[in-house]
Structures are given as C-alpha cells and as structure tokens.
Amino acid sequence: MFSNNVRIKQDLNIKELEDISNDLRCDVLKMIYIAKSGHPGGSLSAADIVTALYFKIMNINPKNPNWPGRDRFILSKGHACPIWYAALSKRGYFDRELLWKLREINYPLQGHPDMNKTIGVDMTTGSLGNGLSIGCGMALYAKIFKKDFYTYVILGDGEVNEGIVWEAAMTASKYKLDNLIAFIDYNHLQLDGTTDEVMSLEPLDKKWEAFNWHVQTIDGHNINEIIGAIDCAKETKDAPSMIIANTVKGKGVSFMENKCDWHGIAPNDDQYKEAISNLINRT
C-alpha cells in the first residue's frame, strides 16, 4: 500500500530513461496523428527534459496527485502539452487510452493543459509568458510557509520575447527563490521563423545572469547533463536557477528536425509511418 505523502520512487538508469523518452516521443506522434492537430516540434524537443523530471527527479506520487508536499511542474509553453500528457500517462496518473482522445471535446486532454480537467496538471497554461510568474508564486508560497518542495518551469525560447518573463525574472531574484528551477527549451525556432530572425535572445545566458539568476547551459537531449544541472541548481542558495537547454525542434524525426513548419501541424499517414520508423530505429 502506497503512503499518501511519499512519492513512488523511480530508480532508473540513463539508458532506461532514454528508452522512456523515446517511447514518449512515439506517443506524442500517435496522439497528434490521430487528432489531426497539435504541436509536434516543441513537444519532441522537450521530451528529454520532461523525462528526467518525471521519471528521475521530481518528488511526486501519482497515487496521490494532490499531495501538498509534491514538487510542482509548469509547462509554460502550454502548446507542447502532448509530451506532458504522455509523461503523466506513463507515470501512472491516468489511463493511456486517454492519449488517443487528444483535443476531443468532453475529454480531459485539451490542446492546452487545464488544471481543472487533467489529473497531474498543476497549472493551466497556454497564454505565453505566464508560467514563470506563476512558478514564482508557487516558490514564494513554499518559502513563506517553509515548505520543502521545488517548482520546475519549462519555457519556450520564443516565449522569452514576452515582457512578463522578465518581470518574473526580477521577482525571483528579489525574493531569492532558490527553490525555483526553470528551463528554456532552446531549439532556436518559433512559430514563424528562427529566434534570431524574430527577436534575437542572445546573449541569453548573460541576460539571465544580469537578473541575478544562477545560469547553466547544457545539451537538452543529454539526460545525464539534465540531471547533473538540476543537482547543481539544488545546491545553489539564495538565487533562482535557469538551465538553458540547447535542443532540436522535432528531435528524433529526421524530416521534422530543425524545421519551423513542424511547429504546429500533424503528420499525414506516410509521414506518421516514417516518423515512428525513425524513432523505433533509434533504440
């Protein structure tokens, strides 16, 4: 019998985590293919970060999803929710068959995550830029009331164009939110072009450092690096942490990689078969 206030631990090695990440990518593609709608590119680029968090790092208990002591997670780039749904399902929050009802009316897995509909979703997102501010609120609550949970946030790189992100950056620094760990899924592409073309973010690391964040830059597809960066962030005191994860949009599917067009379209029959073949042959 599982305790209501202790997470169900996942003692997995790197290879097992890589296999899970690949499985999640397959589920993402199937979900979007069946729905004929969704955002594959940014879901695939965030897969390894989400895997590390949900299957290695986060203190959670799917048997008691509202446990007050759980770590919190916010997918600020809410359109990439297929990867979150895939992880929640595989982690045991809800039945896998629900995945194939993505974006269907009267089902819980909508095109952007809704905390009132989906078990395991801590915060509704979709309006870009809001996630980090909400994460600040959660982390500040934990500080004030002496709770020991961490709050994790994943931002899209295009999303960092939003001014509210930088207001949150100042807030987190002011209150020394060392229990707030954020990622930027830095795949260098957004809806209608490269991040350099639309609104250059560089020097991205220096910007966050100027806001008094602890900053690391990693390979966002290297699970060992992701875990190491989180461990380092947890050792940092009196400053929030930003992990800039260099990723590839559409990672794992040859014809989707680094292609802006795959931000928000679904594969057709032939493309779906090719994409799944790509992922199966990676294992």
C-alpha atoms as a PDB file:
ATOM      1  CA  MET A   1       0.000   0.000   0.000  1.00  0.00           C
ATOM      2  CA  PHE A   2       1.489   3.360  -1.018  1.00  0.00           C
ATOM      3  CA  SER A   3       1.692   6.142   1.544  1.00  0.00           C
ATOM      4  CA  ASN A   4      -0.289   9.281   0.737  1.00  0.00           C
ATOM      5  CA  ASN A   5       2.638  11.587   1.403  1.00  0.00           C
ATOM      6  CA  VAL A   6       5.657   9.824  -0.087  1.00  0.00           C
ATOM      7  CA  ARG A   7       6.495   9.637  -3.758  1.00  0.00           C
ATOM      8  CA  ILE A   8       6.683   6.368  -5.651  1.00  0.00           C
ATOM      9  CA  LYS A   9      10.400   6.293  -6.386  1.00  0.00           C
ATOM     10  CA  GLN A  10      11.826   5.647  -9.826  1.00  0.00           C
ATOM     11  CA  ASP A  11      15.328   4.173  -9.663  1.00  0.00           C
ATOM     12  CA  LEU A  12      16.129   4.179 -13.376  1.00  0.00           C
ATOM     13  CA  ASN A  13      19.466   4.342 -15.153  1.00  0.00           C
ATOM     14  CA  ILE A  14      20.286   6.625 -18.079  1.00  0.00           C
ATOM     15  CA  LYS A  15      19.573   4.003 -20.735  1.00  0.00           C
ATOM     16  CA  GLU A  16      16.175   3.268 -19.231  1.00  0.00           C
ATOM     17  CA  LEU A  17      15.390   6.992 -19.151  1.00  0.00           C
ATOM     18  CA  GLU A  18      16.463   7.358 -22.787  1.00  0.00           C
ATOM     19  CA  ASP A  19      14.153   4.490 -23.737  1.00  0.00           C
ATOM     20  CA  ILE A  20      11.263   6.146 -21.888  1.00  0.00           C
ATOM     21  CA  SER A  21      11.943   9.429 -23.674  1.00  0.00           C
ATOM     22  CA  ASN A  22      11.797   7.616 -26.998  1.00  0.00           C
ATOM     23  CA  ASP A  23       8.532   5.931 -26.011  1.00  0.00           C
ATOM     24  CA  LEU A  24       7.067   9.305 -25.073  1.00  0.00           C
ATOM     25  CA  ARG A  25       8.036  10.714 -28.464  1.00  0.00           C
ATOM     26  CA  CYS A  26       6.197   7.837 -30.146  1.00  0.00           C
ATOM     27  CA  ASP A  27       3.113   8.535 -28.040  1.00  0.00           C
ATOM     28  CA  VAL A  28       3.273  12.237 -28.919  1.00  0.00           C
ATOM     29  CA  LEU A  29       3.289  11.477 -32.620  1.00  0.00           C
ATOM     30  CA  LYS A  30       0.438   8.983 -32.349  1.00  0.00           C
ATOM     31  CA  MET A  31      -1.649  11.456 -30.326  1.00  0.00           C
ATOM     32  CA  ILE A  32      -1.178  14.270 -32.821  1.00  0.00           C
ATOM     33  CA  TYR A  33      -1.624  11.962 -35.823  1.00  0.00           C
ATOM     34  CA  ILE A  34      -4.959  10.672 -34.518  1.00  0.00           C
ATOM     35  CA  ALA A  35      -6.138  14.156 -33.515  1.00  0.00           C
ATOM     36  CA  LYS A  36      -5.000  15.599 -36.866  1.00  0.00           C
ATOM     37  CA  SER A  37      -3.917  18.601 -34.837  1.00  0.00           C
ATOM     38  CA  GLY A  38      -1.220  19.571 -32.353  1.00  0.00           C
ATOM     39  CA  HIS A  39       2.349  20.749 -31.902  1.00  0.00           C
ATOM     40  CA  PRO A  40       4.932  18.036 -32.577  1.00  0.00           C
ATOM     41  CA  GLY A  41       8.114  20.111 -32.927  1.00  0.00           C
ATOM     42  CA  GLY A  42       8.276  21.629 -29.468  1.00  0.00           C
ATOM     43  CA  SER A  43       6.888  18.511 -27.816  1.00  0.00           C
ATOM     44  CA  LEU A  44       9.706  16.421 -29.243  1.00  0.00           C
ATOM     45  CA  SER A  45      12.384  18.959 -28.309  1.00  0.00           C
ATOM     46  CA  ALA A  46      11.261  18.976 -24.658  1.00  0.00           C
ATOM     47  CA  ALA A  47      10.955  15.184 -24.322  1.00  0.00           C
ATOM     48  CA  ASP A  48      14.265  14.527 -22.577  1.00  0.00           C
ATOM     49  CA  ILE A  49      13.779  17.324 -20.034  1.00  0.00           C
ATOM     50  CA  VAL A  50      10.268  16.117 -19.203  1.00  0.00           C
ATOM     51  CA  THR A  51      11.529  12.537 -18.911  1.00  0.00           C
ATOM     52  CA  ALA A  52      14.315  13.469 -16.498  1.00  0.00           C
ATOM     53  CA  LEU A  53      11.894  15.436 -14.327  1.00  0.00           C
ATOM     54  CA  TYR A  54       9.051  12.932 -14.187  1.00  0.00           C
ATOM     55  CA  PHE A  55      10.993   9.692 -14.103  1.00  0.00           C
ATOM     56  CA  LYS A  56      14.071  10.634 -12.064  1.00  0.00           C
ATOM     57  CA  ILE A  57      13.957  13.993 -10.324  1.00  0.00           C
ATOM     58  CA  MET A  58      10.547  15.148  -9.169  1.00  0.00           C
ATOM     59  CA  ASN A  59       9.182  14.274  -5.765  1.00  0.00           C
ATOM     60  CA  ILE A  60       5.670  13.191  -6.767  1.00  0.00           C
ATOM     61  CA  ASN A  61       3.145  10.460  -6.086  1.00  0.00           C
ATOM     62  CA  PRO A  62       0.753   9.577  -8.932  1.00  0.00           C
ATOM     63  CA  LYS A  63      -1.366   7.652  -6.429  1.00  0.00           C
ATOM     64  CA  ASN A  64      -1.991  10.937  -4.622  1.00  0.00           C
ATOM     65  CA  PRO A  65      -1.619  13.633  -7.295  1.00  0.00           C
ATOM     66  CA  ASN A  66      -2.684  16.481  -4.984  1.00  0.00           C
ATOM     67  CA  TRP A  67      -0.272  15.595  -2.192  1.00  0.00           C
ATOM     68  CA  PRO A  68       0.670  19.007  -0.706  1.00  0.00           C
ATOM     69  CA  GLY A  69       4.358  18.098  -0.416  1.00  0.00           C
ATOM     70  CA  ARG A  70       4.806  17.261  -4.096  1.00  0.00           C
ATOM     71  CA  ASP A  71       7.149  19.133  -6.412  1.00  0.00           C
ATOM     72  CA  ARG A  72       5.288  21.414  -8.819  1.00  0.00           C
ATOM     73  CA  PHE A  73       5.692  21.488 -12.595  1.00  0.00           C
ATOM     74  CA  ILE A  74       4.552  24.181 -15.025  1.00  0.00           C
ATOM     75  CA  LEU A  75       4.759  23.774 -18.789  1.00  0.00           C
ATOM     76  CA  SER A  76       4.717  27.467 -19.635  1.00  0.00           C
ATOM     77  CA  LYS A  77       4.793  26.686 -23.368  1.00  0.00           C
ATOM     78  CA  GLY A  78       1.442  25.001 -22.993  1.00  0.00           C
ATOM     79  CA  HIS A  79       1.020  24.127 -26.669  1.00  0.00           C
ATOM     80  CA  ALA A  80       3.671  21.411 -26.150  1.00  0.00           C
ATOM     81  CA  CYS A  81       1.317  19.588 -23.774  1.00  0.00           C
ATOM     82  CA  PRO A  82       1.334  16.291 -25.744  1.00  0.00           C
ATOM     83  CA  ILE A  83       4.732  15.474 -24.220  1.00  0.00           C
ATOM     84  CA  TRP A  84       3.389  16.305 -20.757  1.00  0.00           C
ATOM     85  CA  TYR A  85       0.306  14.157 -21.255  1.00  0.00           C
ATOM     86  CA  ALA A  86       2.438  11.269 -22.477  1.00  0.00           C
ATOM     87  CA  ALA A  87       4.649  11.516 -19.376  1.00  0.00           C
ATOM     88  CA  LEU A  88       1.719  11.779 -16.975  1.00  0.00           C
ATOM     89  CA  SER A  89       0.105   8.718 -18.502  1.00  0.00           C
ATOM     90  CA  LYS A  90       3.269   6.619 -18.443  1.00  0.00           C
ATOM     91  CA  ARG A  91       3.939   7.732 -14.859  1.00  0.00           C
ATOM     92  CA  GLY A  92       0.519   6.416 -13.843  1.00  0.00           C
ATOM     93  CA  TYR A  93      -1.685   9.487 -13.454  1.00  0.00           C
ATOM     94  CA  PHE A  94      -4.327   8.304 -15.919  1.00  0.00           C
ATOM     95  CA  ASP A  95      -5.057   5.516 -18.388  1.00  0.00           C
ATOM     96  CA  ARG A  96      -3.004   5.508 -21.580  1.00  0.00           C
ATOM     97  CA  GLU A  97      -6.118   5.131 -23.732  1.00  0.00           C
ATOM     98  CA  LEU A  98      -6.977   8.745 -22.939  1.00  0.00           C
ATOM     99  CA  LEU A  99      -3.984   9.847 -25.001  1.00  0.00           C
ATOM    100  CA  TRP A 100      -5.784   8.922 -28.199  1.00  0.00           C
ATOM    101  CA  LYS A 101      -8.560  11.406 -27.333  1.00  0.00           C
ATOM    102  CA  LEU A 102      -6.247  14.415 -27.544  1.00  0.00           C
ATOM    103  CA  ARG A 103      -8.162  17.644 -28.294  1.00  0.00           C
ATOM    104  CA  GLU A 104     -11.550  15.918 -28.362  1.00  0.00           C
ATOM    105  CA  ILE A 105     -14.439  17.803 -26.799  1.00  0.00           C
ATOM    106  CA  ASN A 106     -15.605  16.355 -23.464  1.00  0.00           C
ATOM    107  CA  TYR A 107     -12.247  14.670 -22.847  1.00  0.00           C
ATOM    108  CA  PRO A 108      -9.603  15.982 -20.419  1.00  0.00           C
ATOM    109  CA  LEU A 109      -6.587  16.263 -22.727  1.00  0.00           C
ATOM    110  CA  GLN A 110      -7.200  19.550 -24.465  1.00  0.00           C
ATOM    111  CA  GLY A 111      -4.895  21.464 -26.814  1.00  0.00           C
ATOM    112  CA  HIS A 112      -3.514  23.398 -23.855  1.00  0.00           C
ATOM    113  CA  PRO A 113      -3.262  21.913 -20.358  1.00  0.00           C
ATOM    114  CA  ASP A 114      -6.138  22.606 -17.972  1.00  0.00           C
ATOM    115  CA  MET A 115      -5.677  22.004 -14.249  1.00  0.00           C
ATOM    116  CA  ASN A 116      -9.455  21.660 -13.842  1.00  0.00           C
ATOM    117  CA  LYS A 117      -9.670  18.844 -16.381  1.00  0.00           C
ATOM    118  CA  THR A 118      -6.444  16.841 -16.252  1.00  0.00           C
ATOM    119  CA  ILE A 119      -5.105  14.890 -13.269  1.00  0.00           C
ATOM    120  CA  GLY A 120      -1.499  15.816 -12.537  1.00  0.00           C
ATOM    121  CA  VAL A 121      -1.601  19.265 -14.147  1.00  0.00           C
ATOM    122  CA  ASP A 122      -0.618  21.825 -11.501  1.00  0.00           C
ATOM    123  CA  MET A 123      -1.389  24.913 -13.566  1.00  0.00           C
ATOM    124  CA  THR A 124      -3.353  25.817 -16.674  1.00  0.00           C
ATOM    125  CA  THR A 125      -1.123  27.341 -19.356  1.00  0.00           C
ATOM    126  CA  GLY A 126      -1.328  28.483 -22.935  1.00  0.00           C
ATOM    127  CA  SER A 127      -1.084  32.251 -22.765  1.00  0.00           C
ATOM    128  CA  LEU A 128       2.643  32.506 -23.345  1.00  0.00           C
ATOM    129  CA  GLY A 129       4.823  34.177 -20.744  1.00  0.00           C
ATOM    130  CA  ASN A 130       2.692  33.474 -17.686  1.00  0.00           C
ATOM    131  CA  GLY A 131       4.285  30.249 -16.491  1.00  0.00           C
ATOM    132  CA  LEU A 132       7.377  31.704 -14.868  1.00  0.00           C
ATOM    133  CA  SER A 133       5.335  34.276 -12.935  1.00  0.00           C
ATOM    134  CA  ILE A 134       3.081  31.509 -11.653  1.00  0.00           C
ATOM    135  CA  GLY A 135       6.158  29.490 -10.742  1.00  0.00           C
ATOM    136  CA  CYS A 136       7.420  32.456  -8.728  1.00  0.00           C
ATOM    137  CA  GLY A 137       4.156  32.471  -6.810  1.00  0.00           C
ATOM    138  CA  MET A 138       4.406  28.765  -6.011  1.00  0.00           C
ATOM    139  CA  ALA A 139       8.040  29.052  -4.956  1.00  0.00           C
ATOM    140  CA  LEU A 140       7.354  32.139  -2.838  1.00  0.00           C
ATOM    141  CA  TYR A 141       4.499  30.335  -1.104  1.00  0.00           C
ATOM    142  CA  ALA A 142       6.885  27.494  -0.266  1.00  0.00           C
ATOM    143  CA  LYS A 143       9.405  29.972   1.153  1.00  0.00           C
ATOM    144  CA  ILE A 144       6.869  31.840   3.278  1.00  0.00           C
ATOM    145  CA  PHE A 145       5.249  28.714   4.703  1.00  0.00           C
ATOM    146  CA  LYS A 146       8.516  26.755   4.986  1.00  0.00           C
ATOM    147  CA  LYS A 147       7.592  24.002   2.537  1.00  0.00           C
ATOM    148  CA  ASP A 148      10.416  21.994   1.006  1.00  0.00           C
ATOM    149  CA  PHE A 149       9.051  21.311  -2.482  1.00  0.00           C
ATOM    150  CA  TYR A 150      10.674  22.589  -5.685  1.00  0.00           C
ATOM    151  CA  THR A 151       8.886  24.299  -8.555  1.00  0.00           C
ATOM    152  CA  TYR A 152      10.043  23.471 -12.087  1.00  0.00           C
ATOM    153  CA  VAL A 153       9.106  25.511 -15.156  1.00  0.00           C
ATOM    154  CA  ILE A 154       9.786  24.873 -18.856  1.00  0.00           C
ATOM    155  CA  LEU A 155       9.702  27.930 -21.114  1.00  0.00           C
ATOM    156  CA  GLY A 156       9.830  28.055 -24.877  1.00  0.00           C
ATOM    157  CA  ASP A 157      12.587  30.164 -26.400  1.00  0.00           C
ATOM    158  CA  GLY A 158      10.166  32.255 -28.469  1.00  0.00           C
ATOM    159  CA  GLU A 159       8.156  32.732 -25.299  1.00  0.00           C
ATOM    160  CA  VAL A 160      11.088  34.574 -23.725  1.00  0.00           C
ATOM    161  CA  ASN A 161      10.184  37.503 -26.012  1.00  0.00           C
ATOM    162  CA  GLU A 162       7.321  38.203 -23.612  1.00  0.00           C
ATOM    163  CA  GLY A 163       7.939  41.062 -21.180  1.00  0.00           C
ATOM    164  CA  ILE A 164       6.217  39.292 -18.294  1.00  0.00           C
ATOM    165  CA  VAL A 165       9.009  36.697 -18.341  1.00  0.00           C
ATOM    166  CA  TRP A 166      11.496  39.381 -17.345  1.00  0.00           C
ATOM    167  CA  GLU A 167       9.191  40.754 -14.657  1.00  0.00           C
ATOM    168  CA  ALA A 168       9.174  37.238 -13.212  1.00  0.00           C
ATOM    169  CA  ALA A 169      12.959  37.095 -13.535  1.00  0.00           C
ATOM    170  CA  MET A 170      13.248  40.201 -11.352  1.00  0.00           C
ATOM    171  CA  THR A 171      10.743  38.849  -8.836  1.00  0.00           C
ATOM    172  CA  ALA A 172      12.506  35.509  -8.453  1.00  0.00           C
ATOM    173  CA  SER A 173      15.819  37.248  -7.913  1.00  0.00           C
ATOM    174  CA  LYS A 174      14.423  39.756  -5.396  1.00  0.00           C
ATOM    175  CA  TYR A 175      12.979  37.000  -3.226  1.00  0.00           C
ATOM    176  CA  LYS A 176      15.987  34.676  -3.668  1.00  0.00           C
ATOM    177  CA  LEU A 177      13.829  31.802  -4.877  1.00  0.00           C
ATOM    178  CA  ASP A 178      16.412  29.032  -4.829  1.00  0.00           C
ATOM    179  CA  ASN A 179      13.523  26.540  -4.854  1.00  0.00           C
ATOM    180  CA  LEU A 180      12.620  27.639  -8.398  1.00  0.00           C
ATOM    181  CA  ILE A 181      14.363  25.803 -11.266  1.00  0.00           C
ATOM    182  CA  ALA A 182      13.482  26.834 -14.816  1.00  0.00           C
ATOM    183  CA  PHE A 183      14.443  25.516 -18.244  1.00  0.00           C
ATOM    184  CA  ILE A 184      14.450  27.228 -21.601  1.00  0.00           C
ATOM    185  CA  ASP A 185      13.791  24.719 -24.378  1.00  0.00           C
ATOM    186  CA  TYR A 186      16.237  26.484 -26.703  1.00  0.00           C
ATOM    187  CA  ASN A 187      15.518  24.892 -30.073  1.00  0.00           C
ATOM    188  CA  HIS A 188      16.075  28.253 -31.842  1.00  0.00           C
ATOM    189  CA  LEU A 189      12.772  28.083 -33.756  1.00  0.00           C
ATOM    190  CA  GLN A 190       9.369  29.560 -33.052  1.00  0.00           C
ATOM    191  CA  LEU A 191       6.069  29.745 -34.917  1.00  0.00           C
ATOM    192  CA  ASP A 192       7.183  31.808 -37.903  1.00  0.00           C
ATOM    193  CA  GLY A 193      10.965  31.767 -38.004  1.00  0.00           C
ATOM    194  CA  THR A 194      14.188  31.405 -36.092  1.00  0.00           C
ATOM    195  CA  THR A 195      14.536  33.147 -32.766  1.00  0.00           C
ATOM    196  CA  ASP A 196      17.354  35.225 -34.255  1.00  0.00           C
ATOM    197  CA  GLU A 197      15.100  36.431 -37.073  1.00  0.00           C
ATOM    198  CA  VAL A 198      12.036  37.172 -34.970  1.00  0.00           C
ATOM    199  CA  MET A 199      13.665  38.706 -31.880  1.00  0.00           C
ATOM    200  CA  SER A 200      17.207  37.736 -31.030  1.00  0.00           C
ATOM    201  CA  LEU A 201      17.684  36.396 -27.498  1.00  0.00           C
ATOM    202  CA  GLU A 202      21.454  36.495 -27.434  1.00  0.00           C
ATOM    203  CA  PRO A 203      23.430  36.683 -25.271  1.00  0.00           C
ATOM    204  CA  LEU A 204      20.794  34.625 -23.452  1.00  0.00           C
ATOM    205  CA  ASP A 205      22.966  33.387 -20.614  1.00  0.00           C
ATOM    206  CA  LYS A 206      24.288  36.884 -19.857  1.00  0.00           C
ATOM    207  CA  LYS A 207      20.765  38.278 -19.748  1.00  0.00           C
ATOM    208  CA  TRP A 208      19.717  35.845 -17.023  1.00  0.00           C
ATOM    209  CA  GLU A 209      22.951  36.381 -15.160  1.00  0.00           C
ATOM    210  CA  ALA A 210      22.266  40.124 -15.231  1.00  0.00           C
ATOM    211  CA  PHE A 211      18.976  39.384 -13.483  1.00  0.00           C
ATOM    212  CA  ASN A 212      20.980  37.564 -10.778  1.00  0.00           C
ATOM    213  CA  TRP A 213      19.981  34.040 -11.703  1.00  0.00           C
ATOM    214  CA  HIS A 214      22.278  31.045 -11.445  1.00  0.00           C
ATOM    215  CA  VAL A 215      22.679  30.008 -15.095  1.00  0.00           C
ATOM    216  CA  GLN A 216      23.816  26.780 -16.744  1.00  0.00           C
ATOM    217  CA  THR A 217      23.894  25.895 -20.442  1.00  0.00           C
ATOM    218  CA  ILE A 218      23.541  22.228 -21.368  1.00  0.00           C
ATOM    219  CA  ASP A 219      22.711  19.765 -24.116  1.00  0.00           C
ATOM    220  CA  GLY A 220      18.959  19.407 -23.641  1.00  0.00           C
ATOM    221  CA  HIS A 221      18.984  15.933 -25.160  1.00  0.00           C
ATOM    222  CA  ASN A 222      21.642  14.534 -22.825  1.00  0.00           C
ATOM    223  CA  ILE A 223      19.724  13.155 -19.858  1.00  0.00           C
ATOM    224  CA  ASN A 224      22.872  12.814 -17.781  1.00  0.00           C
ATOM    225  CA  GLU A 225      23.584  16.527 -18.294  1.00  0.00           C
ATOM    226  CA  ILE A 226      19.994  17.441 -17.473  1.00  0.00           C
ATOM    227  CA  ILE A 227      20.104  15.539 -14.185  1.00  0.00           C
ATOM    228  CA  GLY A 228      23.519  16.984 -13.325  1.00  0.00           C
ATOM    229  CA  ALA A 229      22.304  20.526 -13.985  1.00  0.00           C
ATOM    230  CA  ILE A 230      19.297  20.027 -11.711  1.00  0.00           C
ATOM    231  CA  ASP A 231      21.517  18.649  -8.962  1.00  0.00           C
ATOM    232  CA  CYS A 232      23.771  21.698  -9.329  1.00  0.00           C
ATOM    233  CA  ALA A 233      20.747  24.028  -9.216  1.00  0.00           C
ATOM    234  CA  LYS A 234      19.598  22.430  -5.969  1.00  0.00           C
ATOM    235  CA  GLU A 235      22.977  23.137  -4.419  1.00  0.00           C
ATOM    236  CA  THR A 236      22.708  26.843  -5.328  1.00  0.00           C
ATOM    237  CA  LYS A 237      21.465  29.013  -2.467  1.00  0.00           C
ATOM    238  CA  ASP A 238      19.759  32.425  -2.477  1.00  0.00           C
ATOM    239  CA  ALA A 239      19.257  32.577  -6.250  1.00  0.00           C
ATOM    240  CA  PRO A 240      16.798  31.046  -8.732  1.00  0.00           C
ATOM    241  CA  SER A 241      18.241  28.755 -11.396  1.00  0.00           C
ATOM    242  CA  MET A 242      17.888  28.916 -15.168  1.00  0.00           C
ATOM    243  CA  ILE A 243      19.006  25.945 -17.253  1.00  0.00           C
ATOM    244  CA  ILE A 244      19.370  26.877 -20.911  1.00  0.00           C
ATOM    245  CA  ALA A 245      18.862  23.580 -22.716  1.00  0.00           C
ATOM    246  CA  ASN A 246      20.084  23.560 -26.312  1.00  0.00           C
ATOM    247  CA  THR A 247      17.650  21.346 -28.185  1.00  0.00           C
ATOM    248  CA  VAL A 248      16.490  20.428 -31.680  1.00  0.00           C
ATOM    249  CA  LYS A 249      12.927  21.126 -32.718  1.00  0.00           C
ATOM    250  CA  GLY A 250      11.352  17.861 -33.869  1.00  0.00           C
ATOM    251  CA  LYS A 251      14.151  15.836 -32.259  1.00  0.00           C
ATOM    252  CA  GLY A 252      14.202  12.186 -33.291  1.00  0.00           C
ATOM    253  CA  VAL A 253      12.281  12.512 -36.558  1.00  0.00           C
ATOM    254  CA  SER A 254      14.590  13.233 -39.484  1.00  0.00           C
ATOM    255  CA  PHE A 255      12.207  15.282 -41.619  1.00  0.00           C
ATOM    256  CA  MET A 256      10.928  17.309 -38.653  1.00  0.00           C
ATOM    257  CA  GLU A 257      14.265  18.266 -37.132  1.00  0.00           C
ATOM    258  CA  ASN A 258      15.083  21.982 -37.318  1.00  0.00           C
ATOM    259  CA  LYS A 259      12.013  22.659 -39.443  1.00  0.00           C
ATOM    260  CA  CYS A 260       9.865  25.608 -38.394  1.00  0.00           C
ATOM    261  CA  ASP A 261       6.918  24.177 -40.370  1.00  0.00           C
ATOM    262  CA  TRP A 262       6.531  21.402 -37.797  1.00  0.00           C
ATOM    263  CA  HIS A 263       5.729  23.816 -35.003  1.00  0.00           C
ATOM    264  CA  GLY A 264       2.001  23.138 -35.223  1.00  0.00           C
ATOM    265  CA  ILE A 265       0.927  20.645 -37.886  1.00  0.00           C
ATOM    266  CA  ALA A 266       0.052  16.961 -37.777  1.00  0.00           C
ATOM    267  CA  PRO A 267       1.746  14.281 -39.907  1.00  0.00           C
ATOM    268  CA  ASN A 268      -0.213  12.541 -42.653  1.00  0.00           C
ATOM    269  CA  ASP A 269      -0.319   8.747 -42.994  1.00  0.00           C
ATOM    270  CA  ASP A 270       3.029   8.346 -44.746  1.00  0.00           C
ATOM    271  CA  GLN A 271       4.771  10.909 -42.561  1.00  0.00           C
ATOM    272  CA  TYR A 272       3.493   9.243 -39.407  1.00  0.00           C
ATOM    273  CA  LYS A 273       4.808   5.843 -40.512  1.00  0.00           C
ATOM    274  CA  GLU A 274       8.196   7.345 -41.362  1.00  0.00           C
ATOM    275  CA  ALA A 275       8.374   9.239 -38.077  1.00  0.00           C
ATOM    276  CA  ILE A 276       7.608   6.165 -35.983  1.00  0.00           C
ATOM    277  CA  SER A 277      10.159   4.180 -38.001  1.00  0.00           C
ATOM    278  CA  ASN A 278      12.787   6.838 -37.218  1.00  0.00           C
ATOM    279  CA  LEU A 279      12.112   6.561 -33.501  1.00  0.00           C
ATOM    280  CA  ILE A 280      11.950   2.776 -33.402  1.00  0.00           C
ATOM    281  CA  ASN A 281      15.278   2.561 -35.197  1.00  0.00           C
ATOM    282  CA  ARG A 282      16.899   4.839 -32.595  1.00  0.00           C
ATOM    283  CA  THR A 283      16.537   2.232 -29.860  1.00  0.00           C
END
